[in-house]
Amino acid sequence: MNLIPTARFTKALSKLDPESKIVIQKAMSLMLEDLNHPSLRVKKMKGYHNPKIWETSGNMDLRITFEFRKPDQLILRNCGHHDDTLDRP
């Protein structure tokens, strides 16, 4: 599996505090190993106009939004605190 970050994802990650960055990076590592890992809580985003966008959890507050491209690629769209990423996935 390849994780491909967008510019928005990279910018959002750089704005996070050090502890949050660690949580997001651990979630990314889990995504590489096993996207179905229970702690990631992967699900499709509801209520957003693009049905191809998914979300996963770093913890109960931190999220990563992504979409599938090809069978082996995930485009990382955004990351951050739950309310922030759900507004702009």
PDB file of N, CA and C in Angstrom:
ATOM      1  N   MET A   1       0.853  -1.179   0.000  1.00  0.00           N
ATOM      2  CA  MET A   1       0.000   0.000   0.000  1.00  0.00           C
ATOM      3  C   MET A   1       0.894   1.235   0.000  1.00  0.00           C
ATOM      4  N   ASN A   2       0.577   2.184  -0.847  1.00  0.00           N
ATOM      5  CA  ASN A   2       1.290   3.459  -0.909  1.00  0.00           C
ATOM      6  C   ASN A   2       0.395   4.561  -0.358  1.00  0.00           C
ATOM      7  N   LEU A   3       0.946   5.372   0.519  1.00  0.00           N
ATOM      8  CA  LEU A   3       0.236   6.534   1.035  1.00  0.00           C
ATOM      9  C   LEU A   3       0.779   7.761   0.327  1.00  0.00           C
ATOM     10  N   ILE A   4      -0.094   8.501  -0.336  1.00  0.00           N
ATOM     11  CA  ILE A   4       0.319   9.668  -1.101  1.00  0.00           C
ATOM     12  C   ILE A   4      -0.321  10.905  -0.483  1.00  0.00           C
ATOM     13  N   PRO A   5       0.454  11.721   0.222  1.00  0.00           N
ATOM     14  CA  PRO A   5      -0.121  12.904   0.868  1.00  0.00           C
ATOM     15  C   PRO A   5      -0.334  14.046  -0.126  1.00  0.00           C
ATOM     16  N   THR A   6      -1.447  14.744   0.025  1.00  0.00           N
ATOM     17  CA  THR A   6      -1.691  15.952  -0.749  1.00  0.00           C
ATOM     18  C   THR A   6      -0.971  17.111  -0.047  1.00  0.00           C
ATOM     19  N   ALA A   7      -0.882  18.235  -0.731  1.00  0.00           N
ATOM     20  CA  ALA A   7      -0.263  19.420  -0.116  1.00  0.00           C
ATOM     21  C   ALA A   7      -1.060  19.851   1.115  1.00  0.00           C
ATOM     22  N   ARG A   8      -2.386  19.743   1.046  1.00  0.00           N
ATOM     23  CA  ARG A   8      -3.216  20.132   2.189  1.00  0.00           C
ATOM     24  C   ARG A   8      -2.952  19.230   3.392  1.00  0.00           C
ATOM     25  N   PHE A   9      -2.782  17.918   3.145  1.00  0.00           N
ATOM     26  CA  PHE A   9      -2.479  16.989   4.229  1.00  0.00           C
ATOM     27  C   PHE A   9      -1.145  17.359   4.880  1.00  0.00           C
ATOM     28  N   THR A  10      -0.127  17.600   4.066  1.00  0.00           N
ATOM     29  CA  THR A  10       1.197  17.941   4.575  1.00  0.00           C
ATOM     30  C   THR A  10       1.149  19.232   5.388  1.00  0.00           C
ATOM     31  N   LYS A  11       0.417  20.218   4.905  1.00  0.00           N
ATOM     32  CA  LYS A  11       0.291  21.488   5.619  1.00  0.00           C
ATOM     33  C   LYS A  11      -0.450  21.297   6.950  1.00  0.00           C
ATOM     34  N   ALA A  12      -1.529  20.528   6.928  1.00  0.00           N
ATOM     35  CA  ALA A  12      -2.298  20.277   8.153  1.00  0.00           C
ATOM     36  C   ALA A  12      -1.450  19.522   9.172  1.00  0.00           C
ATOM     37  N   LEU A  13      -0.680  18.556   8.714  1.00  0.00           N
ATOM     38  CA  LEU A  13       0.186  17.788   9.615  1.00  0.00           C
ATOM     39  C   LEU A  13       1.242  18.692  10.243  1.00  0.00           C
ATOM     40  N   SER A  14       1.799  19.600   9.467  1.00  0.00           N
ATOM     41  CA  SER A  14       2.847  20.483   9.985  1.00  0.00           C
ATOM     42  C   SER A  14       2.311  21.445  11.050  1.00  0.00           C
ATOM     43  N   LYS A  15       1.020  21.733  11.039  1.00  0.00           N
ATOM     44  CA  LYS A  15       0.431  22.655  12.005  1.00  0.00           C
ATOM     45  C   LYS A  15       0.057  21.986  13.334  1.00  0.00           C
ATOM     46  N   LEU A  16       0.088  20.659  13.369  1.00  0.00           N
ATOM     47  CA  LEU A  16      -0.294  19.953  14.594  1.00  0.00           C
ATOM     48  C   LEU A  16       0.799  20.038  15.650  1.00  0.00           C
ATOM     49  N   ASP A  17       0.393  19.912  16.905  1.00  0.00           N
ATOM     50  CA  ASP A  17       1.363  19.876  18.001  1.00  0.00           C
ATOM     51  C   ASP A  17       2.135  18.553  17.930  1.00  0.00           C
ATOM     52  N   PRO A  18       3.308  18.477  18.579  1.00  0.00           N
ATOM     53  CA  PRO A  18       4.157  17.275  18.466  1.00  0.00           C
ATOM     54  C   PRO A  18       3.456  15.970  18.853  1.00  0.00           C
ATOM     55  N   GLU A  19       2.654  15.984  19.904  1.00  0.00           N
ATOM     56  CA  GLU A  19       1.960  14.756  20.314  1.00  0.00           C
ATOM     57  C   GLU A  19       0.959  14.305  19.263  1.00  0.00           C
ATOM     58  N   SER A  20       0.238  15.238  18.682  1.00  0.00           N
ATOM     59  CA  SER A  20      -0.739  14.906  17.644  1.00  0.00           C
ATOM     60  C   SER A  20      -0.050  14.367  16.397  1.00  0.00           C
ATOM     61  N   LYS A  21       1.101  14.930  16.052  1.00  0.00           N
ATOM     62  CA  LYS A  21       1.859  14.426  14.896  1.00  0.00           C
ATOM     63  C   LYS A  21       2.242  12.974  15.098  1.00  0.00           C
ATOM     64  N   ILE A  22       2.658  12.620  16.312  1.00  0.00           N
ATOM     65  CA  ILE A  22       3.038  11.240  16.610  1.00  0.00           C
ATOM     66  C   ILE A  22       1.841  10.312  16.433  1.00  0.00           C
ATOM     67  N   VAL A  23       0.679  10.737  16.917  1.00  0.00           N
ATOM     68  CA  VAL A  23      -0.540   9.929  16.793  1.00  0.00           C
ATOM     69  C   VAL A  23      -0.885   9.715  15.320  1.00  0.00           C
ATOM     70  N   ILE A  24      -0.826  10.769  14.522  1.00  0.00           N
ATOM     71  CA  ILE A  24      -1.130  10.663  13.090  1.00  0.00           C
ATOM     72  C   ILE A  24      -0.112   9.754  12.398  1.00  0.00           C
ATOM     73  N   GLN A  25       1.161   9.893  12.731  1.00  0.00           N
ATOM     74  CA  GLN A  25       2.183   9.054  12.108  1.00  0.00           C
ATOM     75  C   GLN A  25       2.012   7.583  12.474  1.00  0.00           C
ATOM     76  N   LYS A  26       1.605   7.304  13.716  1.00  0.00           N
ATOM     77  CA  LYS A  26       1.336   5.915  14.104  1.00  0.00           C
ATOM     78  C   LYS A  26       0.147   5.364  13.333  1.00  0.00           C
ATOM     79  N   ALA A  27      -0.886   6.192  13.153  1.00  0.00           N
ATOM     80  CA  ALA A  27      -2.045   5.758  12.373  1.00  0.00           C
ATOM     81  C   ALA A  27      -1.638   5.476  10.928  1.00  0.00           C
ATOM     82  N   MET A  28      -0.767   6.300  10.374  1.00  0.00           N
ATOM     83  CA  MET A  28      -0.294   6.075   9.006  1.00  0.00           C
ATOM     84  C   MET A  28       0.475   4.762   8.909  1.00  0.00           C
ATOM     85  N   SER A  29       1.269   4.464   9.913  1.00  0.00           N
ATOM     86  CA  SER A  29       2.002   3.189   9.928  1.00  0.00           C
ATOM     87  C   SER A  29       1.037   2.012   9.951  1.00  0.00           C
ATOM     88  N   LEU A  30      -0.004   2.122  10.774  1.00  0.00           N
ATOM     89  CA  LEU A  30      -1.019   1.063  10.822  1.00  0.00           C
ATOM     90  C   LEU A  30      -1.735   0.929   9.488  1.00  0.00           C
ATOM     91  N   MET A  31      -1.998   2.056   8.835  1.00  0.00           N
ATOM     92  CA  MET A  31      -2.651   2.022   7.531  1.00  0.00           C
ATOM     93  C   MET A  31      -1.807   1.251   6.526  1.00  0.00           C
ATOM     94  N   LEU A  32      -0.506   1.418   6.602  1.00  0.00           N
ATOM     95  CA  LEU A  32       0.392   0.688   5.705  1.00  0.00           C
ATOM     96  C   LEU A  32       0.369  -0.804   5.989  1.00  0.00           C
ATOM     97  N   GLU A  33       0.325  -1.163   7.267  1.00  0.00           N
ATOM     98  CA  GLU A  33       0.359  -2.573   7.660  1.00  0.00           C
ATOM     99  C   GLU A  33      -0.979  -3.271   7.429  1.00  0.00           C
ATOM    100  N   ASP A  34      -2.061  -2.647   7.941  1.00  0.00           N
ATOM    101  CA  ASP A  34      -3.369  -3.295   7.900  1.00  0.00           C
ATOM    102  C   ASP A  34      -4.459  -2.236   7.995  1.00  0.00           C
ATOM    103  N   LEU A  35      -5.033  -1.884   6.871  1.00  0.00           N
ATOM    104  CA  LEU A  35      -6.070  -0.853   6.843  1.00  0.00           C
ATOM    105  C   LEU A  35      -7.315  -1.272   7.628  1.00  0.00           C
ATOM    106  N   ASN A  36      -7.460  -2.552   7.862  1.00  0.00           N
ATOM    107  CA  ASN A  36      -8.610  -3.059   8.609  1.00  0.00           C
ATOM    108  C   ASN A  36      -8.344  -3.202  10.104  1.00  0.00           C
ATOM    109  N   HIS A  37      -7.232  -2.676  10.574  1.00  0.00           N
ATOM    110  CA  HIS A  37      -6.923  -2.762  12.005  1.00  0.00           C
ATOM    111  C   HIS A  37      -8.053  -2.089  12.792  1.00  0.00           C
ATOM    112  N   PRO A  38      -8.568  -2.741  13.833  1.00  0.00           N
ATOM    113  CA  PRO A  38      -9.724  -2.203  14.563  1.00  0.00           C
ATOM    114  C   PRO A  38      -9.511  -0.808  15.157  1.00  0.00           C
ATOM    115  N   SER A  39      -8.306  -0.485  15.568  1.00  0.00           N
ATOM    116  CA  SER A  39      -8.086   0.821  16.203  1.00  0.00           C
ATOM    117  C   SER A  39      -8.193   1.971  15.198  1.00  0.00           C
ATOM    118  N   LEU A  40      -8.095   1.688  13.909  1.00  0.00           N
ATOM    119  CA  LEU A  40      -8.209   2.739  12.894  1.00  0.00           C
ATOM    120  C   LEU A  40      -9.664   3.168  12.670  1.00  0.00           C
ATOM    121  N   ARG A  41     -10.590   2.288  12.921  1.00  0.00           N
ATOM    122  CA  ARG A  41     -12.017   2.592  12.752  1.00  0.00           C
ATOM    123  C   ARG A  41     -12.299   3.242  11.379  1.00  0.00           C
ATOM    124  N   VAL A  42     -11.871   2.584  10.332  1.00  0.00           N
ATOM    125  CA  VAL A  42     -12.047   3.097   8.961  1.00  0.00           C
ATOM    126  C   VAL A  42     -13.519   3.051   8.573  1.00  0.00           C
ATOM    127  N   LYS A  43     -14.013   4.158   8.007  1.00  0.00           N
ATOM    128  CA  LYS A  43     -15.399   4.200   7.536  1.00  0.00           C
ATOM    129  C   LYS A  43     -15.545   5.269   6.464  1.00  0.00           C
ATOM    130  N   LYS A  44     -16.564   5.124   5.644  1.00  0.00           N
ATOM    131  CA  LYS A  44     -16.873   6.146   4.648  1.00  0.00           C
ATOM    132  C   LYS A  44     -17.405   7.373   5.362  1.00  0.00           C
ATOM    133  N   MET A  45     -17.067   8.537   4.840  1.00  0.00           N
ATOM    134  CA  MET A  45     -17.598   9.772   5.415  1.00  0.00           C
ATOM    135  C   MET A  45     -19.054   9.929   5.003  1.00  0.00           C
ATOM    136  N   LYS A  46     -19.867  10.294   5.947  1.00  0.00           N
ATOM    137  CA  LYS A  46     -21.284  10.522   5.669  1.00  0.00           C
ATOM    138  C   LYS A  46     -21.547  12.020   5.594  1.00  0.00           C
ATOM    139  N   GLY A  47     -22.505  12.382   4.775  1.00  0.00           N
ATOM    140  CA  GLY A  47     -22.925  13.772   4.706  1.00  0.00           C
ATOM    141  C   GLY A  47     -22.007  14.687   3.924  1.00  0.00           C
ATOM    142  N   TYR A  48     -21.071  14.103   3.177  1.00  0.00           N
ATOM    143  CA  TYR A  48     -20.182  14.909   2.359  1.00  0.00           C
ATOM    144  C   TYR A  48     -20.474  14.600   0.905  1.00  0.00           C
ATOM    145  N   HIS A  49     -20.357  15.581   0.027  1.00  0.00           N
ATOM    146  CA  HIS A  49     -20.784  15.410  -1.366  1.00  0.00           C
ATOM    147  C   HIS A  49     -19.961  14.415  -2.173  1.00  0.00           C
ATOM    148  N   ASN A  50     -18.736  14.117  -1.752  1.00  0.00           N
ATOM    149  CA  ASN A  50     -17.903  13.172  -2.481  1.00  0.00           C
ATOM    150  C   ASN A  50     -17.968  11.810  -1.784  1.00  0.00           C
ATOM    151  N   PRO A  51     -18.659  10.835  -2.378  1.00  0.00           N
ATOM    152  CA  PRO A  51     -18.827   9.546  -1.709  1.00  0.00           C
ATOM    153  C   PRO A  51     -17.569   8.687  -1.676  1.00  0.00           C
ATOM    154  N   LYS A  52     -16.499   9.135  -2.306  1.00  0.00           N
ATOM    155  CA  LYS A  52     -15.270   8.349  -2.345  1.00  0.00           C
ATOM    156  C   LYS A  52     -14.338   8.659  -1.176  1.00  0.00           C
ATOM    157  N   ILE A  53     -14.705   9.574  -0.303  1.00  0.00           N
ATOM    158  CA  ILE A  53     -13.832   9.971   0.790  1.00  0.00           C
ATOM    159  C   ILE A  53     -14.107   9.115   2.020  1.00  0.00           C
ATOM    160  N   TRP A  54     -13.032   8.638   2.603  1.00  0.00           N
ATOM    161  CA  TRP A  54     -13.091   7.803   3.798  1.00  0.00           C
ATOM    162  C   TRP A  54     -12.388   8.533   4.935  1.00  0.00           C
ATOM    163  N   GLU A  55     -12.615   8.050   6.157  1.00  0.00           N
ATOM    164  CA  GLU A  55     -11.896   8.605   7.299  1.00  0.00           C
ATOM    165  C   GLU A  55     -11.405   7.471   8.185  1.00  0.00           C
ATOM    166  N   THR A  56     -10.339   7.757   8.900  1.00  0.00           N
ATOM    167  CA  THR A  56      -9.798   6.825   9.874  1.00  0.00           C
ATOM    168  C   THR A  56      -9.382   7.610  11.105  1.00  0.00           C
ATOM    169  N   SER A  57      -9.244   6.918  12.210  1.00  0.00           N
ATOM    170  CA  SER A  57      -8.946   7.581  13.476  1.00  0.00           C
ATOM    171  C   SER A  57      -7.523   7.309  13.923  1.00  0.00           C
ATOM    172  N   GLY A  58      -6.862   8.371  14.379  1.00  0.00           N
ATOM    173  CA  GLY A  58      -5.591   8.212  15.071  1.00  0.00           C
ATOM    174  C   GLY A  58      -5.875   7.938  16.536  1.00  0.00           C
ATOM    175  N   ASN A  59      -6.850   8.655  17.066  1.00  0.00           N
ATOM    176  CA  ASN A  59      -7.417   8.433  18.392  1.00  0.00           C
ATOM    177  C   ASN A  59      -8.841   8.977  18.345  1.00  0.00           C
ATOM    178  N   MET A  60      -9.466   9.171  19.475  1.00  0.00           N
ATOM    179  CA  MET A  60     -10.859   9.607  19.455  1.00  0.00           C
ATOM    180  C   MET A  60     -11.020  11.046  18.947  1.00  0.00           C
ATOM    181  N   ASP A  61      -9.943  11.818  18.912  1.00  0.00           N
ATOM    182  CA  ASP A  61     -10.036  13.208  18.485  1.00  0.00           C
ATOM    183  C   ASP A  61      -9.365  13.476  17.130  1.00  0.00           C
ATOM    184  N   LEU A  62      -8.377  12.707  16.762  1.00  0.00           N
ATOM    185  CA  LEU A  62      -7.607  12.964  15.543  1.00  0.00           C
ATOM    186  C   LEU A  62      -8.058  12.063  14.399  1.00  0.00           C
ATOM    187  N   ARG A  63      -8.215  12.661  13.228  1.00  0.00           N
ATOM    188  CA  ARG A  63      -8.687  11.947  12.046  1.00  0.00           C
ATOM    189  C   ARG A  63      -7.764  12.161  10.858  1.00  0.00           C
ATOM    190  N   ILE A  64      -7.820  11.199   9.955  1.00  0.00           N
ATOM    191  CA  ILE A  64      -7.182  11.303   8.648  1.00  0.00           C
ATOM    192  C   ILE A  64      -8.285  11.033   7.625  1.00  0.00           C
ATOM    193  N   THR A  65      -8.414  11.904   6.640  1.00  0.00           N
ATOM    194  CA  THR A  65      -9.344  11.633   5.544  1.00  0.00           C
ATOM    195  C   THR A  65      -8.524  11.225   4.323  1.00  0.00           C
ATOM    196  N   PHE A  66      -9.083  10.298   3.553  1.00  0.00           N
ATOM    197  CA  PHE A  66      -8.341   9.761   2.409  1.00  0.00           C
ATOM    198  C   PHE A  66      -9.323   9.237   1.373  1.00  0.00           C
ATOM    199  N   GLU A  67      -8.781   8.930   0.209  1.00  0.00           N
ATOM    200  CA  GLU A  67      -9.566   8.261  -0.822  1.00  0.00           C
ATOM    201  C   GLU A  67      -8.694   7.206  -1.482  1.00  0.00           C
ATOM    202  N   PHE A  68      -9.352   6.190  -2.005  1.00  0.00           N
ATOM    203  CA  PHE A  68      -8.654   5.101  -2.684  1.00  0.00           C
ATOM    204  C   PHE A  68      -8.358   5.491  -4.126  1.00  0.00           C
ATOM    205  N   ARG A  69      -7.138   5.209  -4.552  1.00  0.00           N
ATOM    206  CA  ARG A  69      -6.748   5.328  -5.960  1.00  0.00           C
ATOM    207  C   ARG A  69      -6.014   4.055  -6.291  1.00  0.00           C
ATOM    208  N   LYS A  70      -6.454   3.401  -7.296  1.00  0.00           N
ATOM    209  CA  LYS A  70      -5.879   2.108  -7.664  1.00  0.00           C
ATOM    210  C   LYS A  70      -5.974   1.189  -6.441  1.00  0.00           C
ATOM    211  N   PRO A  71      -5.778  -0.070  -6.610  1.00  0.00           N
ATOM    212  CA  PRO A  71      -5.903  -0.972  -5.458  1.00  0.00           C
ATOM    213  C   PRO A  71      -4.837  -0.770  -4.378  1.00  0.00           C
ATOM    214  N   ASP A  72      -3.722  -0.183  -4.744  1.00  0.00           N
ATOM    215  CA  ASP A  72      -2.619  -0.108  -3.781  1.00  0.00           C
ATOM    216  C   ASP A  72      -2.235   1.320  -3.401  1.00  0.00           C
ATOM    217  N   GLN A  73      -3.109   2.298  -3.651  1.00  0.00           N
ATOM    218  CA  GLN A  73      -2.789   3.686  -3.334  1.00  0.00           C
ATOM    219  C   GLN A  73      -3.896   4.338  -2.513  1.00  0.00           C
ATOM    220  N   LEU A  74      -3.471   5.067  -1.487  1.00  0.00           N
ATOM    221  CA  LEU A  74      -4.385   5.886  -0.701  1.00  0.00           C
ATOM    222  C   LEU A  74      -3.912   7.328  -0.802  1.00  0.00           C
ATOM    223  N   ILE A  75      -4.802   8.216  -1.212  1.00  0.00           N
ATOM    224  CA  ILE A  75      -4.490   9.638  -1.273  1.00  0.00           C
ATOM    225  C   ILE A  75      -4.898  10.238   0.068  1.00  0.00           C
ATOM    226  N   LEU A  76      -3.922  10.718   0.833  1.00  0.00           N
ATOM    227  CA  LEU A  76      -4.186  11.332   2.132  1.00  0.00           C
ATOM    228  C   LEU A  76      -4.618  12.767   1.891  1.00  0.00           C
ATOM    229  N   ARG A  77      -5.857  13.100   2.238  1.00  0.00           N
ATOM    230  CA  ARG A  77      -6.434  14.400   1.912  1.00  0.00           C
ATOM    231  C   ARG A  77      -6.273  15.439   3.014  1.00  0.00           C
ATOM    232  N   ASN A  78      -6.504  15.033   4.257  1.00  0.00           N
ATOM    233  CA  ASN A  78      -6.462  15.982   5.363  1.00  0.00           C
ATOM    234  C   ASN A  78      -6.232  15.214   6.657  1.00  0.00           C
ATOM    235  N   CYS A  79      -5.777  15.915   7.680  1.00  0.00           N
ATOM    236  CA  CYS A  79      -5.631  15.315   8.995  1.00  0.00           C
ATOM    237  C   CYS A  79      -5.804  16.407  10.036  1.00  0.00           C
ATOM    238  N   GLY A  80      -6.134  15.986  11.215  1.00  0.00           N
ATOM    239  CA  GLY A  80      -6.281  16.955  12.289  1.00  0.00           C
ATOM    240  C   GLY A  80      -7.354  16.538  13.268  1.00  0.00           C
ATOM    241  N   HIS A  81      -7.762  17.495  14.068  1.00  0.00           N
ATOM    242  CA  HIS A  81      -8.776  17.232  15.077  1.00  0.00           C
ATOM    243  C   HIS A  81     -10.123  16.992  14.410  1.00  0.00           C
ATOM    244  N   HIS A  82     -10.925  16.179  15.037  1.00  0.00           N
ATOM    245  CA  HIS A  82     -12.162  15.672  14.458  1.00  0.00           C
ATOM    246  C   HIS A  82     -13.004  16.753  13.781  1.00  0.00           C
ATOM    247  N   ASP A  83     -13.311  17.824  14.466  1.00  0.00           N
ATOM    248  CA  ASP A  83     -14.177  18.858  13.887  1.00  0.00           C
ATOM    249  C   ASP A  83     -13.538  19.552  12.697  1.00  0.00           C
ATOM    250  N   ASP A  84     -12.242  19.765  12.731  1.00  0.00           N
ATOM    251  CA  ASP A  84     -11.548  20.438  11.627  1.00  0.00           C
ATOM    252  C   ASP A  84     -11.547  19.607  10.359  1.00  0.00           C
ATOM    253  N   THR A  85     -11.243  18.319  10.464  1.00  0.00           N
ATOM    254  CA  THR A  85     -11.137  17.474   9.271  1.00  0.00           C
ATOM    255  C   THR A  85     -12.497  17.146   8.687  1.00  0.00           C
ATOM    256  N   LEU A  86     -13.534  17.141   9.502  1.00  0.00           N
ATOM    257  CA  LEU A  86     -14.851  16.836   8.960  1.00  0.00           C
ATOM    258  C   LEU A  86     -15.422  18.034   8.204  1.00  0.00           C
ATOM    259  N   ASP A  87     -14.977  19.216   8.514  1.00  0.00           N
ATOM    260  CA  ASP A  87     -15.422  20.392   7.778  1.00  0.00           C
ATOM    261  C   ASP A  87     -14.799  20.466   6.391  1.00  0.00           C
ATOM    262  N   ARG A  88     -13.542  20.055   6.282  1.00  0.00           N
ATOM    263  CA  ARG A  88     -12.819  20.121   4.998  1.00  0.00           C
ATOM    264  C   ARG A  88     -12.050  18.829   4.769  1.00  0.00           C
ATOM    265  N   PRO A  89     -12.741  17.763   4.369  1.00  0.00           N
ATOM    266  CA  PRO A  89     -12.050  16.470   4.206  1.00  0.00           C
ATOM    267  C   PRO A  89     -11.109  16.488   3.034  1.00  0.00           C
TER     268      PRO A  89
END
